[in-house]
PDB file of N, CA and C in Angstrom:
ATOM      1  N   MET A   1     130.913 -37.489 -69.042  1.00  0.00           N
ATOM      2  CA  MET A   1     131.225 -36.780 -67.828  1.00  0.00           C
ATOM      3  C   MET A   1     132.248 -37.556 -66.984  1.00  0.00           C
ATOM      4  N   ARG A   2     132.092 -38.858 -66.964  1.00  0.00           N
ATOM      5  CA  ARG A   2     133.002 -39.685 -66.197  1.00  0.00           C
ATOM      6  C   ARG A   2     134.424 -39.582 -66.755  1.00  0.00           C
ATOM      7  N   ARG A   3     134.549 -39.491 -68.069  1.00  0.00           N
ATOM      8  CA  ARG A   3     135.854 -39.399 -68.716  1.00  0.00           C
ATOM      9  C   ARG A   3     136.554 -38.087 -68.336  1.00  0.00           C
ATOM     10  N   ILE A   4     135.820 -36.999 -68.238  1.00  0.00           N
ATOM     11  CA  ILE A   4     136.385 -35.703 -67.848  1.00  0.00           C
ATOM     12  C   ILE A   4     136.927 -35.774 -66.433  1.00  0.00           C
ATOM     13  N   ARG A   5     136.197 -36.398 -65.536  1.00  0.00           N
ATOM     14  CA  ARG A   5     136.661 -36.544 -64.143  1.00  0.00           C
ATOM     15  C   ARG A   5     137.933 -37.373 -64.082  1.00  0.00           C
ATOM     16  N   LEU A   6     138.003 -38.438 -64.864  1.00  0.00           N
ATOM     17  CA  LEU A   6     139.180 -39.297 -64.888  1.00  0.00           C
ATOM     18  C   LEU A   6     140.401 -38.535 -65.402  1.00  0.00           C
ATOM     19  N   VAL A   7     140.222 -37.758 -66.463  1.00  0.00           N
ATOM     20  CA  VAL A   7     141.311 -36.959 -67.005  1.00  0.00           C
ATOM     21  C   VAL A   7     141.756 -35.915 -65.989  1.00  0.00           C
ATOM     22  N   ALA A   8     140.810 -35.247 -65.343  1.00  0.00           N
ATOM     23  CA  ALA A   8     141.144 -34.235 -64.335  1.00  0.00           C
ATOM     24  C   ALA A   8     141.908 -34.864 -63.169  1.00  0.00           C
ATOM     25  N   ALA A   9     141.495 -36.035 -62.735  1.00  0.00           N
ATOM     26  CA  ALA A   9     142.194 -36.709 -61.641  1.00  0.00           C
ATOM     27  C   ALA A   9     143.609 -37.096 -62.055  1.00  0.00           C
ATOM     28  N   SER A  10     143.785 -37.550 -63.292  1.00  0.00           N
ATOM     29  CA  SER A  10     145.112 -37.917 -63.777  1.00  0.00           C
ATOM     30  C   SER A  10     146.030 -36.708 -63.854  1.00  0.00           C
ATOM     31  N   VAL A  11     145.490 -35.587 -64.323  1.00  0.00           N
ATOM     32  CA  VAL A  11     146.284 -34.360 -64.411  1.00  0.00           C
ATOM     33  C   VAL A  11     146.698 -33.898 -63.025  1.00  0.00           C
ATOM     34  N   MET A  12     145.795 -33.928 -62.074  1.00  0.00           N
ATOM     35  CA  MET A  12     146.111 -33.500 -60.701  1.00  0.00           C
ATOM     36  C   MET A  12     147.176 -34.413 -60.085  1.00  0.00           C
ATOM     37  N   GLY A  13     147.063 -35.700 -60.320  1.00  0.00           N
ATOM     38  CA  GLY A  13     148.062 -36.636 -59.801  1.00  0.00           C
ATOM     39  C   GLY A  13     149.434 -36.394 -60.405  1.00  0.00           C
ATOM     40  N   ALA A  14     149.471 -36.136 -61.694  1.00  0.00           N
ATOM     41  CA  ALA A  14     150.746 -35.861 -62.367  1.00  0.00           C
ATOM     42  C   ALA A  14     151.363 -34.565 -61.841  1.00  0.00           C
ATOM     43  N   MET A  15     150.551 -33.562 -61.598  1.00  0.00           N
ATOM     44  CA  MET A  15     151.063 -32.294 -61.063  1.00  0.00           C
ATOM     45  C   MET A  15     151.637 -32.490 -59.662  1.00  0.00           C
ATOM     46  N   ALA A  16     150.956 -33.249 -58.827  1.00  0.00           N
ATOM     47  CA  ALA A  16     151.449 -33.499 -57.470  1.00  0.00           C
ATOM     48  C   ALA A  16     152.776 -34.253 -57.512  1.00  0.00           C
ATOM     49  N   LEU A  17     152.892 -35.227 -58.390  1.00  0.00           N
ATOM     50  CA  LEU A  17     154.137 -35.986 -58.524  1.00  0.00           C
ATOM     51  C   LEU A  17     155.263 -35.092 -59.020  1.00  0.00           C
ATOM     52  N   ALA A  18     154.985 -34.238 -59.986  1.00  0.00           N
ATOM     53  CA  ALA A  18     156.011 -33.344 -60.513  1.00  0.00           C
ATOM     54  C   ALA A  18     156.486 -32.375 -59.440  1.00  0.00           C
ATOM     55  N   LEU A  19     155.581 -31.860 -58.646  1.00  0.00           N
ATOM     56  CA  LEU A  19     155.967 -30.929 -57.582  1.00  0.00           C
ATOM     57  C   LEU A  19     156.787 -31.616 -56.506  1.00  0.00           C
ATOM     58  N   SER A  20     156.443 -32.843 -56.142  1.00  0.00           N
ATOM     59  CA  SER A  20     157.207 -33.533 -55.105  1.00  0.00           C
ATOM     60  C   SER A  20     158.599 -33.901 -55.612  1.00  0.00           C
ATOM     61  N   SER A  21     158.744 -34.248 -56.889  1.00  0.00           N
ATOM     62  CA  SER A  21     160.046 -34.570 -57.454  1.00  0.00           C
ATOM     63  C   SER A  21     160.935 -33.339 -57.533  1.00  0.00           C
ATOM     64  N   ALA A  22     160.366 -32.217 -57.901  1.00  0.00           N
ATOM     65  CA  ALA A  22     161.142 -30.981 -58.010  1.00  0.00           C
ATOM     66  C   ALA A  22     161.659 -30.544 -56.649  1.00  0.00           C
ATOM     67  N   GLU A  23     160.887 -30.768 -55.623  1.00  0.00           N
ATOM     68  CA  GLU A  23     161.290 -30.363 -54.284  1.00  0.00           C
ATOM     69  C   GLU A  23     162.525 -31.127 -53.819  1.00  0.00           C
ATOM     70  N   SER A  24     162.655 -32.412 -54.149  1.00  0.00           N
ATOM     71  CA  SER A  24     163.782 -33.206 -53.693  1.00  0.00           C
ATOM     72  C   SER A  24     165.062 -32.907 -54.467  1.00  0.00           C
ATOM     73  N   ALA A  25     164.949 -32.251 -55.619  1.00  0.00           N
ATOM     74  CA  ALA A  25     166.124 -31.969 -56.433  1.00  0.00           C
ATOM     75  C   ALA A  25     166.782 -30.628 -56.083  1.00  0.00           C
ATOM     76  N   VAL A  26     166.242 -29.928 -55.117  1.00  0.00           N
ATOM     77  CA  VAL A  26     166.767 -28.619 -54.748  1.00  0.00           C
ATOM     78  C   VAL A  26     168.034 -28.790 -53.913  1.00  0.00           C
ATOM     79  N   ALA A  27     169.034 -27.946 -54.185  1.00  0.00           N
ATOM     80  CA  ALA A  27     170.291 -27.990 -53.429  1.00  0.00           C
ATOM     81  C   ALA A  27     170.038 -27.597 -51.976  1.00  0.00           C
ATOM     82  N   ALA A  28     170.954 -27.997 -51.115  1.00  0.00           N
ATOM     83  CA  ALA A  28     170.878 -27.622 -49.717  1.00  0.00           C
ATOM     84  C   ALA A  28     170.998 -26.110 -49.590  1.00  0.00           C
ATOM     85  N   GLU A  29     170.340 -25.550 -48.612  1.00  0.00           N
ATOM     86  CA  GLU A  29     170.413 -24.111 -48.368  1.00  0.00           C
ATOM     87  C   GLU A  29     171.348 -23.860 -47.200  1.00  0.00           C
ATOM     88  N   GLY A  30     172.300 -22.956 -47.377  1.00  0.00           N
ATOM     89  CA  GLY A  30     173.260 -22.624 -46.327  1.00  0.00           C
ATOM     90  C   GLY A  30     174.673 -22.833 -46.821  1.00  0.00           C
ATOM     91  N   THR A  31     175.574 -23.127 -45.886  1.00  0.00           N
ATOM     92  CA  THR A  31     176.974 -23.346 -46.249  1.00  0.00           C
ATOM     93  C   THR A  31     177.469 -24.692 -45.723  1.00  0.00           C
ATOM     94  N   LEU A  32     178.367 -25.276 -46.492  1.00  0.00           N
ATOM     95  CA  LEU A  32     179.027 -26.533 -46.125  1.00  0.00           C
ATOM     96  C   LEU A  32     180.521 -26.290 -46.235  1.00  0.00           C
ATOM     97  N   THR A  33     181.224 -26.454 -45.107  1.00  0.00           N
ATOM     98  CA  THR A  33     182.676 -26.306 -45.123  1.00  0.00           C
ATOM     99  C   THR A  33     183.292 -27.697 -45.096  1.00  0.00           C
ATOM    100  N   VAL A  34     184.128 -27.975 -46.106  1.00  0.00           N
ATOM    101  CA  VAL A  34     184.834 -29.252 -46.211  1.00  0.00           C
ATOM    102  C   VAL A  34     186.309 -28.913 -46.244  1.00  0.00           C
ATOM    103  N   GLY A  35     187.031 -29.312 -45.205  1.00  0.00           N
ATOM    104  CA  GLY A  35     188.433 -28.922 -45.082  1.00  0.00           C
ATOM    105  C   GLY A  35     188.515 -27.432 -44.825  1.00  0.00           C
ATOM    106  N   LEU A  36     189.169 -26.709 -45.722  1.00  0.00           N
ATOM    107  CA  LEU A  36     189.308 -25.260 -45.576  1.00  0.00           C
ATOM    108  C   LEU A  36     188.454 -24.488 -46.579  1.00  0.00           C
ATOM    109  N   THR A  37     187.588 -25.185 -47.325  1.00  0.00           N
ATOM    110  CA  THR A  37     186.790 -24.555 -48.370  1.00  0.00           C
ATOM    111  C   THR A  37     185.311 -24.544 -47.983  1.00  0.00           C
ATOM    112  N   THR A  38     184.686 -23.372 -48.107  1.00  0.00           N
ATOM    113  CA  THR A  38     183.261 -23.224 -47.806  1.00  0.00           C
ATOM    114  C   THR A  38     182.474 -23.105 -49.100  1.00  0.00           C
ATOM    115  N   HIS A  39     181.383 -23.873 -49.183  1.00  0.00           N
ATOM    116  CA  HIS A  39     180.519 -23.907 -50.361  1.00  0.00           C
ATOM    117  C   HIS A  39     179.138 -23.370 -49.975  1.00  0.00           C
ATOM    118  N   THR A  40     178.623 -22.414 -50.737  1.00  0.00           N
ATOM    119  CA  THR A  40     177.306 -21.842 -50.485  1.00  0.00           C
ATOM    120  C   THR A  40     176.250 -22.585 -51.288  1.00  0.00           C
ATOM    121  N   ASN A  41     175.139 -22.930 -50.628  1.00  0.00           N
ATOM    122  CA  ASN A  41     174.054 -23.713 -51.232  1.00  0.00           C
ATOM    123  C   ASN A  41     174.619 -24.919 -51.992  1.00  0.00           C
ATOM    124  N   PRO A  42     175.329 -25.795 -51.274  1.00  0.00           N
ATOM    125  CA  PRO A  42     176.045 -26.905 -51.920  1.00  0.00           C
ATOM    126  C   PRO A  42     175.117 -27.987 -52.463  1.00  0.00           C
ATOM    127  N   SER A  43     175.622 -28.703 -53.447  1.00  0.00           N
ATOM    128  CA  SER A  43     174.933 -29.858 -53.988  1.00  0.00           C
ATOM    129  C   SER A  43     175.978 -30.736 -54.674  1.00  0.00           C
ATOM    130  N   GLY A  44     176.031 -31.999 -54.310  1.00  0.00           N
ATOM    131  CA  GLY A  44     176.973 -32.912 -54.958  1.00  0.00           C
ATOM    132  C   GLY A  44     178.061 -33.390 -54.024  1.00  0.00           C
ATOM    133  N   CYS A  45     179.236 -33.628 -54.603  1.00  0.00           N
ATOM    134  CA  CYS A  45     180.359 -34.212 -53.878  1.00  0.00           C
ATOM    135  C   CYS A  45     181.515 -33.223 -53.786  1.00  0.00           C
ATOM    136  N   TYR A  46     182.150 -33.181 -52.619  1.00  0.00           N
ATOM    137  CA  TYR A  46     183.287 -32.293 -52.376  1.00  0.00           C
ATOM    138  C   TYR A  46     184.409 -33.090 -51.730  1.00  0.00           C
ATOM    139  N   THR A  47     185.614 -32.975 -52.300  1.00  0.00           N
ATOM    140  CA  THR A  47     186.780 -33.665 -51.776  1.00  0.00           C
ATOM    141  C   THR A  47     187.544 -32.718 -50.868  1.00  0.00           C
ATOM    142  N   SER A  48     188.023 -33.225 -49.751  1.00  0.00           N
ATOM    143  CA  SER A  48     188.708 -32.403 -48.760  1.00  0.00           C
ATOM    144  C   SER A  48     190.119 -32.028 -49.204  1.00  0.00           C
ATOM    145  N   ASN A  49     190.569 -30.863 -48.737  1.00  0.00           N
ATOM    146  CA  ASN A  49     191.937 -30.430 -49.021  1.00  0.00           C
ATOM    147  C   ASN A  49     192.838 -30.558 -47.792  1.00  0.00           C
ATOM    148  N   ILE A  50     192.318 -31.144 -46.703  1.00  0.00           N
ATOM    149  CA  ILE A  50     193.135 -31.385 -45.505  1.00  0.00           C
ATOM    150  C   ILE A  50     192.780 -32.744 -44.911  1.00  0.00           C
ATOM    151  N   TRP A  51     193.679 -33.227 -44.069  1.00  0.00           N
ATOM    152  CA  TRP A  51     193.428 -34.477 -43.345  1.00  0.00           C
ATOM    153  C   TRP A  51     193.854 -34.294 -41.906  1.00  0.00           C
ATOM    154  N   PRO A  52     193.090 -34.696 -40.925  1.00  0.00           N
ATOM    155  CA  PRO A  52     191.764 -35.296 -41.037  1.00  0.00           C
ATOM    156  C   PRO A  52     190.762 -34.300 -41.603  1.00  0.00           C
ATOM    157  N   MET A  53     189.684 -34.829 -42.167  1.00  0.00           N
ATOM    158  CA  MET A  53     188.695 -34.000 -42.854  1.00  0.00           C
ATOM    159  C   MET A  53     187.731 -33.356 -41.873  1.00  0.00           C
ATOM    160  N   LEU A  54     187.649 -32.041 -41.932  1.00  0.00           N
ATOM    161  CA  LEU A  54     186.696 -31.275 -41.140  1.00  0.00           C
ATOM    162  C   LEU A  54     185.460 -31.025 -41.988  1.00  0.00           C
ATOM    163  N   VAL A  55     184.276 -31.253 -41.408  1.00  0.00           N
ATOM    164  CA  VAL A  55     183.017 -30.948 -42.075  1.00  0.00           C
ATOM    165  C   VAL A  55     182.173 -30.106 -41.128  1.00  0.00           C
ATOM    166  N   ALA A  56     181.836 -28.890 -41.555  1.00  0.00           N
ATOM    167  CA  ALA A  56     180.920 -28.016 -40.817  1.00  0.00           C
ATOM    168  C   ALA A  56     179.695 -27.832 -41.704  1.00  0.00           C
ATOM    169  N   ASN A  57     178.598 -28.445 -41.307  1.00  0.00           N
ATOM    170  CA  ASN A  57     177.386 -28.465 -42.117  1.00  0.00           C
ATOM    171  C   ASN A  57     176.374 -27.457 -41.568  1.00  0.00           C
ATOM    172  N   ASN A  58     176.335 -26.288 -42.165  1.00  0.00           N
ATOM    173  CA  ASN A  58     175.363 -25.261 -41.779  1.00  0.00           C
ATOM    174  C   ASN A  58     174.295 -25.138 -42.851  1.00  0.00           C
ATOM    175  N   THR A  59     173.746 -26.296 -43.240  1.00  0.00           N
ATOM    176  CA  THR A  59     172.684 -26.353 -44.240  1.00  0.00           C
ATOM    177  C   THR A  59     171.447 -26.990 -43.616  1.00  0.00           C
ATOM    178  N   ASN A  60     170.444 -27.199 -44.456  1.00  0.00           N
ATOM    179  CA  ASN A  60     169.212 -27.861 -44.020  1.00  0.00           C
ATOM    180  C   ASN A  60     169.169 -29.328 -44.458  1.00  0.00           C
ATOM    181  N   GLN A  61     170.305 -29.883 -44.892  1.00  0.00           N
ATOM    182  CA  GLN A  61     170.386 -31.270 -45.354  1.00  0.00           C
ATOM    183  C   GLN A  61     171.476 -32.037 -44.583  1.00  0.00           C
ATOM    184  N   VAL A  62     171.427 -33.355 -44.646  1.00  0.00           N
ATOM    185  CA  VAL A  62     172.445 -34.208 -44.032  1.00  0.00           C
ATOM    186  C   VAL A  62     173.577 -34.425 -45.030  1.00  0.00           C
ATOM    187  N   ALA A  63     174.821 -34.302 -44.573  1.00  0.00           N
ATOM    188  CA  ALA A  63     176.005 -34.557 -45.398  1.00  0.00           C
ATOM    189  C   ALA A  63     176.565 -35.932 -45.029  1.00  0.00           C
ATOM    190  N   THR A  64     177.074 -36.666 -46.014  1.00  0.00           N
ATOM    191  CA  THR A  64     177.606 -38.008 -45.804  1.00  0.00           C
ATOM    192  C   THR A  64     179.078 -38.048 -46.168  1.00  0.00           C
ATOM    193  N   ALA A  65     179.905 -38.582 -45.264  1.00  0.00           N
ATOM    194  CA  ALA A  65     181.358 -38.667 -45.468  1.00  0.00           C
ATOM    195  C   ALA A  65     181.727 -40.031 -46.063  1.00  0.00           C
ATOM    196  N   PHE A  66     182.711 -40.008 -46.998  1.00  0.00           N
ATOM    197  CA  PHE A  66     183.187 -41.212 -47.677  1.00  0.00           C
ATOM    198  C   PHE A  66     184.696 -41.366 -47.482  1.00  0.00           C
ATOM    199  N   THR A  67     185.175 -42.605 -47.560  1.00  0.00           N
ATOM    200  CA  THR A  67     186.594 -42.886 -47.336  1.00  0.00           C
ATOM    201  C   THR A  67     187.491 -42.455 -48.484  1.00  0.00           C
ATOM    202  N   LEU A  68     186.968 -42.387 -49.705  1.00  0.00           N
ATOM    203  CA  LEU A  68     187.789 -42.064 -50.877  1.00  0.00           C
ATOM    204  C   LEU A  68     187.353 -40.745 -51.510  1.00  0.00           C
ATOM    205  N   PRO A  69     188.218 -40.127 -52.315  1.00  0.00           N
ATOM    206  CA  PRO A  69     187.823 -38.913 -53.045  1.00  0.00           C
ATOM    207  C   PRO A  69     186.631 -39.191 -53.975  1.00  0.00           C
ATOM    208  N   ASN A  70     185.948 -38.116 -54.372  1.00  0.00           N
ATOM    209  CA  ASN A  70     184.820 -38.194 -55.306  1.00  0.00           C
ATOM    210  C   ASN A  70     183.666 -39.045 -54.792  1.00  0.00           C
ATOM    211  N   CYS A  71     183.513 -39.072 -53.465  1.00  0.00           N
ATOM    212  CA  CYS A  71     182.407 -39.792 -52.802  1.00  0.00           C
ATOM    213  C   CYS A  71     182.366 -41.267 -53.175  1.00  0.00           C
ATOM    214  N   GLN A  72     183.546 -41.858 -53.254  1.00  0.00           N
ATOM    215  CA  GLN A  72     183.702 -43.285 -53.513  1.00  0.00           C
ATOM    216  C   GLN A  72     184.122 -43.973 -52.210  1.00  0.00           C
ATOM    217  N   GLY A  73     184.116 -45.277 -52.230  1.00  0.00           N
ATOM    218  CA  GLY A  73     184.517 -46.029 -51.043  1.00  0.00           C
ATOM    219  C   GLY A  73     183.351 -46.208 -50.084  1.00  0.00           C
ATOM    220  N   GLN A  74     183.693 -46.414 -48.830  1.00  0.00           N
ATOM    221  CA  GLN A  74     182.667 -46.666 -47.819  1.00  0.00           C
ATOM    222  C   GLN A  74     182.116 -45.368 -47.240  1.00  0.00           C
ATOM    223  N   ARG A  75     180.844 -45.413 -46.898  1.00  0.00           N
ATOM    224  CA  ARG A  75     180.228 -44.315 -46.146  1.00  0.00           C
ATOM    225  C   ARG A  75     180.629 -44.511 -44.694  1.00  0.00           C
ATOM    226  N   ILE A  76     181.253 -43.503 -44.108  1.00  0.00           N
ATOM    227  CA  ILE A  76     181.743 -43.708 -42.738  1.00  0.00           C
ATOM    228  C   ILE A  76     181.107 -42.790 -41.711  1.00  0.00           C
ATOM    229  N   GLY A  77     180.211 -41.930 -42.135  1.00  0.00           N
ATOM    230  CA  GLY A  77     179.540 -41.093 -41.160  1.00  0.00           C
ATOM    231  C   GLY A  77     178.683 -40.031 -41.812  1.00  0.00           C
ATOM    232  N   GLN A  78     177.861 -39.406 -40.973  1.00  0.00           N
ATOM    233  CA  GLN A  78     177.002 -38.327 -41.448  1.00  0.00           C
ATOM    234  C   GLN A  78     177.132 -37.131 -40.522  1.00  0.00           C
ATOM    235  N   VAL A  79     176.872 -35.958 -41.084  1.00  0.00           N
ATOM    236  CA  VAL A  79     176.874 -34.716 -40.320  1.00  0.00           C
ATOM    237  C   VAL A  79     175.522 -34.058 -40.556  1.00  0.00           C
ATOM    238  N   GLY A  80     174.741 -33.952 -39.505  1.00  0.00           N
ATOM    239  CA  GLY A  80     173.404 -33.383 -39.613  1.00  0.00           C
ATOM    240  C   GLY A  80     173.437 -31.883 -39.812  1.00  0.00           C
ATOM    241  N   PRO A  81     172.268 -31.303 -40.107  1.00  0.00           N
ATOM    242  CA  PRO A  81     172.177 -29.855 -40.253  1.00  0.00           C
ATOM    243  C   PRO A  81     172.678 -29.138 -39.000  1.00  0.00           C
ATOM    244  N   ASN A  82     173.458 -28.095 -39.198  1.00  0.00           N
ATOM    245  CA  ASN A  82     174.019 -27.272 -38.120  1.00  0.00           C
ATOM    246  C   ASN A  82     174.881 -28.069 -37.142  1.00  0.00           C
ATOM    247  N   GLU A  83     175.590 -29.062 -37.672  1.00  0.00           N
ATOM    248  CA  GLU A  83     176.530 -29.854 -36.885  1.00  0.00           C
ATOM    249  C   GLU A  83     177.897 -29.855 -37.560  1.00  0.00           C
ATOM    250  N   SER A  84     178.918 -30.209 -36.803  1.00  0.00           N
ATOM    251  CA  SER A  84     180.286 -30.325 -37.317  1.00  0.00           C
ATOM    252  C   SER A  84     180.878 -31.639 -36.846  1.00  0.00           C
ATOM    253  N   ASN A  85     181.879 -32.119 -37.600  1.00  0.00           N
ATOM    254  CA  ASN A  85     182.564 -33.343 -37.205  1.00  0.00           C
ATOM    255  C   ASN A  85     183.919 -33.389 -37.906  1.00  0.00           C
ATOM    256  N   VAL A  86     184.841 -34.130 -37.321  1.00  0.00           N
ATOM    257  CA  VAL A  86     186.149 -34.376 -37.914  1.00  0.00           C
ATOM    258  C   VAL A  86     186.234 -35.874 -38.168  1.00  0.00           C
ATOM    259  N   PHE A  87     186.627 -36.238 -39.406  1.00  0.00           N
ATOM    260  CA  PHE A  87     186.721 -37.643 -39.798  1.00  0.00           C
ATOM    261  C   PHE A  87     188.173 -37.977 -40.095  1.00  0.00           C
ATOM    262  N   GLU A  88     188.732 -38.885 -39.320  1.00  0.00           N
ATOM    263  CA  GLU A  88     190.136 -39.257 -39.480  1.00  0.00           C
ATOM    264  C   GLU A  88     190.395 -39.993 -40.790  1.00  0.00           C
ATOM    265  N   PHE A  89     189.432 -40.778 -41.243  1.00  0.00           N
ATOM    266  CA  PHE A  89     189.663 -41.616 -42.418  1.00  0.00           C
ATOM    267  C   PHE A  89     188.790 -41.238 -43.620  1.00  0.00           C
ATOM    268  N   ALA A  90     188.214 -40.038 -43.648  1.00  0.00           N
ATOM    269  CA  ALA A  90     187.371 -39.618 -44.757  1.00  0.00           C
ATOM    270  C   ALA A  90     188.150 -38.736 -45.729  1.00  0.00           C
ATOM    271  N   SER A  91     187.736 -38.753 -46.986  1.00  0.00           N
ATOM    272  CA  SER A  91     188.367 -37.940 -48.021  1.00  0.00           C
ATOM    273  C   SER A  91     187.389 -37.021 -48.735  1.00  0.00           C
ATOM    274  N   SER A  92     186.085 -37.346 -48.686  1.00  0.00           N
ATOM    275  CA  SER A  92     185.109 -36.540 -49.400  1.00  0.00           C
ATOM    276  C   SER A  92     183.752 -36.589 -48.696  1.00  0.00           C
ATOM    277  N   VAL A  93     182.876 -35.686 -49.103  1.00  0.00           N
ATOM    278  CA  VAL A  93     181.555 -35.594 -48.496  1.00  0.00           C
ATOM    279  C   VAL A  93     180.540 -35.253 -49.574  1.00  0.00           C
ATOM    280  N   SER A  94     179.333 -35.840 -49.467  1.00  0.00           N
ATOM    281  CA  SER A  94     178.269 -35.535 -50.416  1.00  0.00           C
ATOM    282  C   SER A  94     177.082 -34.926 -49.678  1.00  0.00           C
ATOM    283  N   ILE A  95     176.339 -34.107 -50.418  1.00  0.00           N
ATOM    284  CA  ILE A  95     175.139 -33.488 -49.888  1.00  0.00           C
ATOM    285  C   ILE A  95     174.148 -33.360 -51.036  1.00  0.00           C
ATOM    286  N   PRO A  96     172.862 -33.651 -50.775  1.00  0.00           N
ATOM    287  CA  PRO A  96     171.880 -33.589 -51.883  1.00  0.00           C
ATOM    288  C   PRO A  96     171.744 -32.196 -52.472  1.00  0.00           C
TER     289      PRO A  96
END
């Protein structure tokens, strides 16, 4: 009987871990405008097509601005959900 309880507890723990991991892998909901391009339910890295870089974050996640294309270089700022910002020295932005 003790072995059944241990197995049941292990299964429940594994299910909880799997559900929490799946939740963090979901793309942002809403739109992210980087430069002149708007992305719906964005996920990943976006390089700007204008300078200075405009970021309008109308999602439920925080976006992070980088100095170089392809989200390389230094992180120079963040744009919270439903916020906008202009970055003079940024080239790209990432969002989970």
